[in-house]
N, C-alpha and C. Protein backbone atom coordinates (compact mmCIF):
# COMPACT_ATOMS: atom_id res chain seq x y z
N MET A 1 95.31 45.52 168.89
CA MET A 1 94.09 46.25 168.62
C MET A 1 94.24 47.69 169.12
N ARG A 2 93.84 48.61 168.29
CA ARG A 2 93.87 50.02 168.68
C ARG A 2 92.52 50.39 169.28
N LYS A 3 92.57 50.76 170.56
CA LYS A 3 91.32 51.04 171.28
C LYS A 3 90.59 52.26 170.74
N GLU A 4 91.33 53.21 170.16
CA GLU A 4 90.68 54.43 169.70
C GLU A 4 89.68 54.16 168.57
N ILE A 5 89.92 53.13 167.75
CA ILE A 5 88.95 52.86 166.67
C ILE A 5 87.71 52.15 167.20
N TRP A 6 87.73 51.73 168.46
CA TRP A 6 86.59 51.05 169.07
C TRP A 6 85.89 51.92 170.11
N ARG A 7 86.14 53.21 170.09
CA ARG A 7 85.54 54.11 171.09
C ARG A 7 84.01 54.06 171.06
N ASP A 8 83.42 53.87 169.87
CA ASP A 8 81.96 53.81 169.77
C ASP A 8 81.38 52.58 170.46
N VAL A 9 82.19 51.53 170.64
CA VAL A 9 81.75 50.30 171.30
C VAL A 9 82.16 50.30 172.77
N LEU A 10 83.41 50.66 173.04
CA LEU A 10 83.95 50.57 174.40
C LEU A 10 83.68 51.82 175.24
N GLY A 11 83.35 52.92 174.60
CA GLY A 11 83.13 54.16 175.33
C GLY A 11 84.46 54.82 175.69
N ASP A 12 84.39 55.86 176.48
CA ASP A 12 85.58 56.61 176.87
C ASP A 12 86.15 56.18 178.22
N ASP A 13 85.42 55.34 178.95
CA ASP A 13 85.87 54.93 180.27
C ASP A 13 86.92 53.83 180.18
N LEU A 14 87.31 53.33 181.30
CA LEU A 14 88.33 52.31 181.42
C LEU A 14 87.96 51.03 180.68
N SER A 15 88.95 50.45 180.01
CA SER A 15 88.78 49.12 179.40
C SER A 15 90.04 48.32 179.70
N VAL A 16 89.92 47.01 179.62
CA VAL A 16 91.04 46.12 179.90
C VAL A 16 91.01 44.99 178.89
N THR A 17 92.20 44.55 178.48
CA THR A 17 92.31 43.40 177.58
C THR A 17 92.82 42.23 178.40
N LEU A 18 92.11 41.11 178.32
CA LEU A 18 92.48 39.93 179.09
C LEU A 18 92.02 38.68 178.37
N GLU A 19 92.56 37.55 178.81
CA GLU A 19 92.14 36.24 178.32
C GLU A 19 90.88 35.87 179.08
N LEU A 20 89.80 35.64 178.35
CA LEU A 20 88.52 35.44 178.99
C LEU A 20 87.72 34.40 178.22
N ALA A 21 87.04 33.53 178.95
CA ALA A 21 86.15 32.55 178.32
C ALA A 21 84.86 33.27 177.94
N VAL A 22 84.60 33.38 176.66
CA VAL A 22 83.39 34.02 176.14
C VAL A 22 82.93 33.23 174.93
N GLY A 23 81.67 33.35 174.62
CA GLY A 23 81.14 32.70 173.43
C GLY A 23 79.70 33.08 173.20
N PRO A 24 79.23 32.84 171.99
CA PRO A 24 77.82 33.12 171.70
C PRO A 24 76.94 32.25 172.59
N SER A 25 75.73 32.70 172.83
CA SER A 25 74.87 31.96 173.75
C SER A 25 73.44 31.87 173.22
N GLU A 26 72.81 30.75 173.52
CA GLU A 26 71.39 30.56 173.27
C GLU A 26 70.62 30.59 174.59
N ARG A 27 71.35 30.71 175.70
CA ARG A 27 70.72 30.73 177.02
C ARG A 27 69.94 32.02 177.21
N PRO A 28 69.00 32.01 178.15
CA PRO A 28 68.30 33.27 178.46
C PRO A 28 69.27 34.30 179.05
N ILE A 29 68.98 35.54 178.82
CA ILE A 29 69.80 36.63 179.35
C ILE A 29 69.71 36.61 180.87
N THR A 30 70.86 36.76 181.52
CA THR A 30 70.90 36.78 182.98
C THR A 30 70.20 38.04 183.50
N ALA A 31 69.31 37.87 184.43
CA ALA A 31 68.61 39.01 185.02
C ALA A 31 69.63 39.96 185.64
N GLY A 32 69.38 41.24 185.54
CA GLY A 32 70.32 42.25 186.04
C GLY A 32 70.72 42.06 187.48
N ASP A 33 69.73 41.82 188.36
CA ASP A 33 70.06 41.67 189.78
C ASP A 33 70.85 40.39 190.04
N ALA A 34 70.59 39.32 189.29
CA ALA A 34 71.36 38.08 189.46
C ALA A 34 72.80 38.28 188.99
N ALA A 35 72.98 39.00 187.88
CA ALA A 35 74.33 39.27 187.38
C ALA A 35 75.10 40.15 188.37
N VAL A 36 74.45 41.16 188.92
CA VAL A 36 75.10 42.03 189.90
C VAL A 36 75.54 41.22 191.12
N ARG A 37 74.66 40.34 191.61
CA ARG A 37 75.02 39.50 192.76
C ARG A 37 76.22 38.61 192.44
N LEU A 38 76.27 38.05 191.22
CA LEU A 38 77.39 37.21 190.84
C LEU A 38 78.69 38.02 190.78
N PHE A 39 78.67 39.17 190.14
CA PHE A 39 79.86 40.02 190.07
C PHE A 39 80.32 40.43 191.48
N ASP A 40 79.37 40.80 192.33
CA ASP A 40 79.72 41.22 193.69
C ASP A 40 80.27 40.05 194.52
N ALA A 41 79.69 38.86 194.35
CA ALA A 41 80.18 37.69 195.09
C ALA A 41 81.59 37.33 194.65
N ILE A 42 81.85 37.39 193.35
CA ILE A 42 83.20 37.11 192.84
C ILE A 42 84.18 38.12 193.41
N ALA A 43 83.80 39.39 193.42
CA ALA A 43 84.69 40.42 193.97
C ALA A 43 84.99 40.15 195.43
N MET A 44 83.98 39.81 196.20
CA MET A 44 84.18 39.57 197.62
C MET A 44 85.10 38.36 197.83
N LEU A 45 84.90 37.31 197.07
CA LEU A 45 85.73 36.12 197.23
C LEU A 45 87.16 36.35 196.77
N GLU A 46 87.33 37.07 195.66
CA GLU A 46 88.68 37.29 195.14
C GLU A 46 89.47 38.31 195.95
N GLU A 47 88.79 39.33 196.42
CA GLU A 47 89.49 40.36 197.18
C GLU A 47 89.74 39.90 198.61
N GLY A 48 88.81 39.17 199.18
CA GLY A 48 88.97 38.68 200.55
C GLY A 48 88.97 39.82 201.54
N VAL A 49 88.01 39.84 202.40
CA VAL A 49 87.92 40.88 203.42
C VAL A 49 88.76 40.43 204.61
N GLN A 50 89.75 41.24 204.97
CA GLN A 50 90.64 40.93 206.09
C GLN A 50 90.06 41.55 207.36
N VAL A 51 89.52 40.69 208.23
CA VAL A 51 88.92 41.20 209.46
C VAL A 51 89.79 40.94 210.68
N ARG A 52 90.84 40.14 210.51
CA ARG A 52 91.74 39.86 211.63
C ARG A 52 93.15 40.29 211.23
N SER A 53 94.01 40.39 212.21
CA SER A 53 95.38 40.79 211.92
C SER A 53 96.12 39.65 211.22
N LYS A 54 97.20 39.97 210.54
CA LYS A 54 97.97 38.96 209.81
C LYS A 54 98.61 37.95 210.76
N ASP A 55 98.84 38.35 212.00
CA ASP A 55 99.45 37.45 212.98
C ASP A 55 98.45 36.47 213.58
N ASP A 56 97.18 36.77 213.44
CA ASP A 56 96.13 35.94 214.02
C ASP A 56 95.61 34.97 212.95
N PRO A 57 96.01 33.68 213.02
CA PRO A 57 95.57 32.73 211.99
C PRO A 57 94.07 32.45 212.11
N PRO A 58 93.44 32.06 211.01
CA PRO A 58 92.02 31.75 211.08
C PRO A 58 91.78 30.50 211.93
N ALA A 59 90.61 30.42 212.48
CA ALA A 59 90.24 29.26 213.30
C ALA A 59 90.27 28.00 212.44
N PRO A 60 90.65 26.86 213.01
CA PRO A 60 90.69 25.60 212.23
C PRO A 60 89.35 25.27 211.57
N GLU A 61 88.24 25.57 212.25
CA GLU A 61 86.93 25.30 211.66
C GLU A 61 86.72 26.12 210.39
N LEU A 62 87.16 27.36 210.43
CA LEU A 62 87.03 28.23 209.27
C LEU A 62 87.94 27.75 208.14
N GLN A 63 89.15 27.32 208.46
CA GLN A 63 90.05 26.78 207.45
C GLN A 63 89.45 25.55 206.78
N ARG A 64 88.87 24.65 207.55
CA ARG A 64 88.25 23.45 206.98
C ARG A 64 87.07 23.82 206.09
N LEU A 65 86.27 24.76 206.52
CA LEU A 65 85.13 25.20 205.72
C LEU A 65 85.60 25.80 204.39
N GLU A 66 86.64 26.62 204.44
CA GLU A 66 87.18 27.22 203.21
C GLU A 66 87.70 26.14 202.26
N VAL A 67 88.39 25.14 202.78
CA VAL A 67 88.91 24.06 201.95
C VAL A 67 87.76 23.27 201.33
N LYS A 68 86.72 23.00 202.10
CA LYS A 68 85.56 22.27 201.58
C LYS A 68 84.90 23.05 200.44
N ILE A 69 84.73 24.33 200.63
CA ILE A 69 84.11 25.16 199.60
C ILE A 69 85.00 25.19 198.36
N ASP A 70 86.31 25.32 198.54
CA ASP A 70 87.23 25.31 197.40
C ASP A 70 87.12 23.99 196.63
N LEU A 71 87.09 22.87 197.36
CA LEU A 71 86.99 21.56 196.71
C LEU A 71 85.66 21.41 195.97
N LEU A 72 84.58 21.87 196.57
CA LEU A 72 83.28 21.78 195.93
C LEU A 72 83.25 22.64 194.65
N THR A 73 83.80 23.83 194.73
CA THR A 73 83.87 24.70 193.55
C THR A 73 84.70 24.04 192.45
N ASP A 74 85.84 23.45 192.81
CA ASP A 74 86.67 22.76 191.82
C ASP A 74 85.93 21.59 191.20
N LEU A 75 85.20 20.83 192.01
CA LEU A 75 84.45 19.68 191.51
C LEU A 75 83.39 20.11 190.51
N VAL A 76 82.59 21.09 190.88
CA VAL A 76 81.53 21.56 189.99
C VAL A 76 82.14 22.13 188.70
N SER A 77 83.20 22.91 188.83
CA SER A 77 83.84 23.48 187.65
C SER A 77 84.40 22.40 186.74
N SER A 78 84.98 21.34 187.31
CA SER A 78 85.53 20.28 186.47
C SER A 78 84.41 19.51 185.77
N LEU A 79 83.27 19.34 186.43
CA LEU A 79 82.14 18.66 185.79
C LEU A 79 81.58 19.47 184.62
N LEU A 80 81.68 20.78 184.71
CA LEU A 80 81.13 21.65 183.67
C LEU A 80 82.19 22.18 182.71
N ALA A 81 83.43 21.72 182.84
CA ALA A 81 84.53 22.28 182.04
C ALA A 81 84.29 22.17 180.55
N ASP A 82 83.62 21.12 180.08
CA ASP A 82 83.39 20.97 178.65
C ASP A 82 82.37 21.96 178.11
N ARG A 83 81.63 22.62 178.98
CA ARG A 83 80.66 23.65 178.56
C ARG A 83 81.27 25.04 178.48
N ILE A 84 82.43 25.21 179.07
CA ILE A 84 83.07 26.53 179.09
C ILE A 84 83.78 26.76 177.76
N PRO A 85 83.50 27.89 177.09
CA PRO A 85 84.17 28.15 175.82
C PRO A 85 85.67 28.37 176.01
N GLN A 86 86.40 28.21 174.94
CA GLN A 86 87.84 28.45 174.94
C GLN A 86 88.10 29.93 175.25
N GLY A 87 89.17 30.20 175.98
CA GLY A 87 89.53 31.59 176.29
C GLY A 87 89.95 32.34 175.03
N SER A 88 89.63 33.60 175.00
CA SER A 88 89.99 34.48 173.89
C SER A 88 90.51 35.80 174.44
N ALA A 89 91.32 36.48 173.65
CA ALA A 89 91.73 37.83 174.03
C ALA A 89 90.52 38.74 173.81
N VAL A 90 90.09 39.39 174.89
CA VAL A 90 88.90 40.23 174.86
C VAL A 90 89.24 41.57 175.49
N THR A 91 88.83 42.63 174.84
CA THR A 91 88.90 43.95 175.46
C THR A 91 87.49 44.28 175.92
N VAL A 92 87.35 44.56 177.19
CA VAL A 92 86.02 44.75 177.78
C VAL A 92 85.98 46.05 178.56
N SER A 93 84.81 46.69 178.53
CA SER A 93 84.58 47.91 179.30
C SER A 93 83.16 47.84 179.86
N ALA A 94 82.79 48.85 180.60
CA ALA A 94 81.43 48.90 181.12
C ALA A 94 80.41 49.09 180.00
N ASP A 95 80.87 49.48 178.82
CA ASP A 95 79.96 49.76 177.70
C ASP A 95 79.87 48.64 176.67
N GLY A 96 80.90 47.78 176.57
CA GLY A 96 80.87 46.75 175.56
C GLY A 96 82.15 45.93 175.53
N LEU A 97 82.33 45.17 174.45
CA LEU A 97 83.53 44.35 174.32
C LEU A 97 83.96 44.26 172.87
N VAL A 98 85.26 43.92 172.70
CA VAL A 98 85.85 43.71 171.39
C VAL A 98 86.66 42.44 171.46
N LEU A 99 86.53 41.58 170.45
CA LEU A 99 87.26 40.32 170.42
C LEU A 99 87.46 39.89 168.97
N SER A 100 88.14 38.77 168.78
CA SER A 100 88.40 38.26 167.45
C SER A 100 87.09 38.06 166.70
N ALA A 101 87.10 38.39 165.42
CA ALA A 101 85.89 38.29 164.60
C ALA A 101 85.40 36.85 164.47
N CYS A 102 86.27 35.87 164.66
CA CYS A 102 85.84 34.48 164.48
C CYS A 102 85.04 33.96 165.66
N VAL A 103 84.97 34.68 166.77
CA VAL A 103 84.25 34.20 167.95
C VAL A 103 82.74 34.40 167.82
N LEU A 104 82.32 35.52 167.27
CA LEU A 104 80.89 35.83 167.17
C LEU A 104 80.48 36.01 165.72
N SER A 105 79.29 35.56 165.38
CA SER A 105 78.75 35.81 164.05
C SER A 105 78.07 37.18 164.05
N PRO A 106 77.94 37.78 162.88
CA PRO A 106 77.30 39.10 162.82
C PRO A 106 75.86 39.11 163.33
N SER A 107 75.20 37.95 163.37
CA SER A 107 73.81 37.91 163.83
C SER A 107 73.68 37.62 165.32
N CYS A 108 74.79 37.44 166.01
CA CYS A 108 74.78 37.11 167.44
C CYS A 108 74.16 38.26 168.24
N ASP A 109 73.26 37.91 169.17
CA ASP A 109 72.66 38.96 170.00
C ASP A 109 72.87 38.73 171.49
N ARG A 110 73.54 37.61 171.86
CA ARG A 110 73.83 37.29 173.26
C ARG A 110 75.21 36.67 173.36
N ILE A 111 75.86 36.94 174.49
CA ILE A 111 77.17 36.37 174.73
C ILE A 111 77.26 35.86 176.16
N GLU A 112 77.94 34.73 176.31
CA GLU A 112 78.25 34.20 177.65
C GLU A 112 79.61 34.73 178.04
N VAL A 113 79.69 35.35 179.19
CA VAL A 113 80.96 35.84 179.72
C VAL A 113 81.19 35.12 181.04
N TYR A 114 82.33 34.44 181.14
CA TYR A 114 82.70 33.77 182.39
C TYR A 114 83.65 34.72 183.11
N PRO A 115 83.16 35.46 184.11
CA PRO A 115 83.93 36.53 184.72
C PRO A 115 85.13 36.09 185.56
N CYS A 116 85.24 34.80 185.87
CA CYS A 116 86.43 34.34 186.59
C CYS A 116 86.74 32.92 186.15
N HIS A 117 88.02 32.57 186.21
CA HIS A 117 88.48 31.28 185.71
C HIS A 117 88.07 30.11 186.59
N TRP A 118 87.75 30.33 187.84
CA TRP A 118 87.47 29.24 188.76
C TRP A 118 85.99 28.94 188.94
N LEU A 119 85.14 29.64 188.20
CA LEU A 119 83.71 29.44 188.36
C LEU A 119 83.07 29.17 187.00
N ALA A 120 82.38 28.05 186.89
CA ALA A 120 81.75 27.66 185.63
C ALA A 120 80.34 28.24 185.51
N GLN A 121 80.20 29.49 185.90
CA GLN A 121 78.90 30.17 185.85
C GLN A 121 79.04 31.41 184.98
N PRO A 122 78.39 31.41 183.81
CA PRO A 122 78.49 32.60 182.96
C PRO A 122 77.45 33.65 183.32
N VAL A 123 77.73 34.85 182.86
CA VAL A 123 76.74 35.91 182.82
C VAL A 123 76.38 36.03 181.35
N VAL A 124 75.12 35.89 181.03
CA VAL A 124 74.68 36.00 179.64
C VAL A 124 74.17 37.42 179.45
N LEU A 125 74.84 38.14 178.55
CA LEU A 125 74.52 39.55 178.33
C LEU A 125 74.00 39.75 176.90
N GLU A 126 73.06 40.66 176.78
CA GLU A 126 72.51 41.00 175.47
C GLU A 126 73.44 42.00 174.78
N LEU A 127 73.63 41.78 173.47
CA LEU A 127 74.53 42.62 172.69
C LEU A 127 73.75 43.51 171.73
N GLY A 128 74.32 44.69 171.48
CA GLY A 128 73.83 45.53 170.40
C GLY A 128 74.34 44.96 169.09
N PRO A 129 74.16 45.68 168.01
CA PRO A 129 74.63 45.18 166.71
C PRO A 129 76.14 44.94 166.71
N ILE A 130 76.56 43.84 166.07
CA ILE A 130 77.98 43.50 165.95
C ILE A 130 78.62 44.40 164.91
N VAL A 131 79.77 44.97 165.26
CA VAL A 131 80.55 45.83 164.37
C VAL A 131 81.83 45.08 164.00
N LEU A 132 82.15 45.00 162.71
CA LEU A 132 83.37 44.32 162.26
C LEU A 132 84.38 45.36 161.77
N ARG A 133 85.62 45.25 162.27
CA ARG A 133 86.72 46.14 161.87
C ARG A 133 88.04 45.42 162.06
N ASP A 134 88.93 45.52 161.11
CA ASP A 134 90.32 45.04 161.26
C ASP A 134 90.42 43.62 161.84
N GLY A 135 89.59 42.70 161.39
CA GLY A 135 89.66 41.32 161.86
C GLY A 135 89.13 41.11 163.26
N ALA A 136 88.45 42.09 163.79
CA ALA A 136 87.87 41.98 165.13
C ALA A 136 86.40 42.35 165.05
N CYS A 137 85.66 41.97 166.07
CA CYS A 137 84.26 42.38 166.16
C CYS A 137 84.03 42.97 167.54
N GLY A 138 83.06 43.83 167.59
CA GLY A 138 82.74 44.46 168.86
C GLY A 138 81.25 44.72 168.95
N ALA A 139 80.79 44.87 170.16
CA ALA A 139 79.37 45.17 170.38
C ALA A 139 79.23 45.85 171.73
N SER A 140 78.30 46.76 171.78
CA SER A 140 77.95 47.40 173.06
C SER A 140 76.99 46.50 173.81
N TRP A 141 77.02 46.63 175.15
CA TRP A 141 76.04 45.90 175.95
C TRP A 141 74.69 46.54 175.72
N ARG A 142 73.68 45.74 175.61
CA ARG A 142 72.32 46.27 175.47
C ARG A 142 71.59 45.98 176.78
N CYS A 143 72.06 46.60 177.84
CA CYS A 143 71.39 46.39 179.13
C CYS A 143 70.84 47.73 179.60
N ARG A 144 69.64 47.67 180.08
CA ARG A 144 68.98 48.88 180.54
C ARG A 144 69.12 49.09 182.04
N ASP A 145 69.72 48.12 182.71
CA ASP A 145 69.86 48.16 184.16
C ASP A 145 71.14 48.91 184.54
N PRO A 146 71.03 50.11 185.11
CA PRO A 146 72.23 50.86 185.48
C PRO A 146 73.06 50.15 186.56
N GLY A 147 72.42 49.37 187.42
CA GLY A 147 73.14 48.61 188.44
C GLY A 147 74.05 47.57 187.81
N LEU A 148 73.57 46.91 186.76
CA LEU A 148 74.39 45.92 186.05
C LEU A 148 75.55 46.60 185.35
N ARG A 149 75.30 47.72 184.71
CA ARG A 149 76.37 48.45 184.03
C ARG A 149 77.44 48.87 185.05
N ASP A 150 77.02 49.31 186.23
CA ASP A 150 77.98 49.68 187.28
C ASP A 150 78.77 48.46 187.75
N ALA A 151 78.10 47.31 187.91
CA ALA A 151 78.78 46.09 188.34
C ALA A 151 79.82 45.66 187.30
N ILE A 152 79.47 45.75 186.03
CA ILE A 152 80.44 45.43 184.98
C ILE A 152 81.62 46.40 185.05
N GLY A 153 81.34 47.67 185.28
CA GLY A 153 82.41 48.67 185.40
C GLY A 153 83.34 48.38 186.58
N ARG A 154 82.78 47.96 187.72
CA ARG A 154 83.61 47.61 188.88
C ARG A 154 84.46 46.37 188.58
N TRP A 155 83.88 45.40 187.88
CA TRP A 155 84.61 44.19 187.51
C TRP A 155 85.76 44.55 186.56
N VAL A 156 85.49 45.40 185.58
CA VAL A 156 86.54 45.84 184.65
C VAL A 156 87.65 46.56 185.43
N PHE A 157 87.28 47.40 186.38
CA PHE A 157 88.29 48.10 187.18
C PHE A 157 89.17 47.10 187.94
N ARG A 158 88.56 46.08 188.57
CA ARG A 158 89.35 45.08 189.30
C ARG A 158 90.28 44.31 188.36
N MET A 159 89.78 43.95 187.18
CA MET A 159 90.60 43.22 186.21
C MET A 159 91.76 44.09 185.73
N HIS A 160 91.48 45.38 185.51
CA HIS A 160 92.53 46.31 185.09
C HIS A 160 93.58 46.46 186.18
N ARG A 161 93.13 46.63 187.41
CA ARG A 161 94.05 46.77 188.55
C ARG A 161 94.92 45.52 188.69
N ARG A 162 94.33 44.35 188.53
CA ARG A 162 95.07 43.09 188.61
C ARG A 162 96.10 42.99 187.48
N GLU A 163 95.71 43.41 186.28
CA GLU A 163 96.64 43.34 185.14
C GLU A 163 97.81 44.31 185.34
N VAL A 164 97.54 45.50 185.85
CA VAL A 164 98.62 46.47 186.14
C VAL A 164 99.57 45.89 187.18
N ALA A 165 99.04 45.29 188.23
CA ALA A 165 99.89 44.68 189.28
C ALA A 165 100.72 43.54 188.69
N ARG A 166 100.12 42.74 187.82
CA ARG A 166 100.84 41.63 187.18
C ARG A 166 102.00 42.15 186.32
N ARG A 167 101.73 43.22 185.57
CA ARG A 167 102.79 43.82 184.74
C ARG A 167 103.90 44.40 185.60
N ARG A 168 103.55 45.04 186.69
CA ARG A 168 104.57 45.60 187.58
C ARG A 168 105.45 44.50 188.16
N MET A 169 104.83 43.40 188.58
CA MET A 169 105.61 42.28 189.12
C MET A 169 106.54 41.70 188.05
N ARG A 170 106.04 41.59 186.83
CA ARG A 170 106.83 41.04 185.75
C ARG A 170 107.99 41.96 185.37
N ASP A 171 107.76 43.26 185.39
CA ASP A 171 108.76 44.24 184.96
C ASP A 171 109.66 44.73 186.08
N ASP A 172 109.39 44.35 187.33
CA ASP A 172 110.17 44.82 188.47
C ASP A 172 111.54 44.16 188.47
N PRO A 173 112.63 44.95 188.33
CA PRO A 173 113.97 44.35 188.29
C PRO A 173 114.32 43.63 189.60
N ARG A 174 113.75 44.03 190.71
CA ARG A 174 114.02 43.34 191.98
C ARG A 174 113.51 41.91 191.94
N GLN A 175 112.43 41.66 191.18
CA GLN A 175 111.90 40.30 191.07
C GLN A 175 112.92 39.39 190.39
N ASP A 176 113.62 39.91 189.35
CA ASP A 176 114.64 39.11 188.67
C ASP A 176 115.78 38.77 189.60
N VAL A 177 116.21 39.73 190.44
CA VAL A 177 117.30 39.51 191.38
C VAL A 177 116.91 38.42 192.38
N SER A 178 115.69 38.50 192.91
CA SER A 178 115.28 37.52 193.90
C SER A 178 115.16 36.12 193.28
N ARG A 179 114.78 36.04 192.02
CA ARG A 179 114.69 34.73 191.38
C ARG A 179 116.06 34.14 191.16
N ARG A 180 117.04 34.99 190.78
CA ARG A 180 118.41 34.48 190.56
C ARG A 180 119.04 34.04 191.85
N GLY A 181 118.69 34.72 192.94
CA GLY A 181 119.30 34.40 194.23
C GLY A 181 118.70 33.15 194.86
N ALA A 182 117.55 32.70 194.38
CA ALA A 182 116.88 31.54 194.98
C ALA A 182 117.48 30.23 194.54
């Protein structure tokens, strides 16, 4: 997909293409403050705030609590796995998204976006009119909450940063040497 032909949907800011569970939705639109809290909570959990030195292991009680929470999250996600749409290649920005035309109908006005693979909780966002081009469809977010738009932008930035790091690891010739030596 050529991003320049989607500038009217994605805007001029940062966008990232990734495999993401998305699909049309009949659910109510997620309130802006609830969506912001979800994006911020995901960021905090994924980034992990390091408050102790690397040499200082976490307390056993904290380790047990983390394992319990991980297991509970896995359990809930597995119970809801049949509700999560199939992953699709999606280009997303703070302004909108572009994906395969077969995912959304032209009359779709809401989309479920699952912002992380380990959580079966979508953010339901309102869409502007669907635009069809070159076998793909795109739509701008129709959200009036600037806090939500900023949260989406921060999430896109984290996903972009993660994708760049993944590409660097994959393309780093030192990684090939270490794999051969193992």
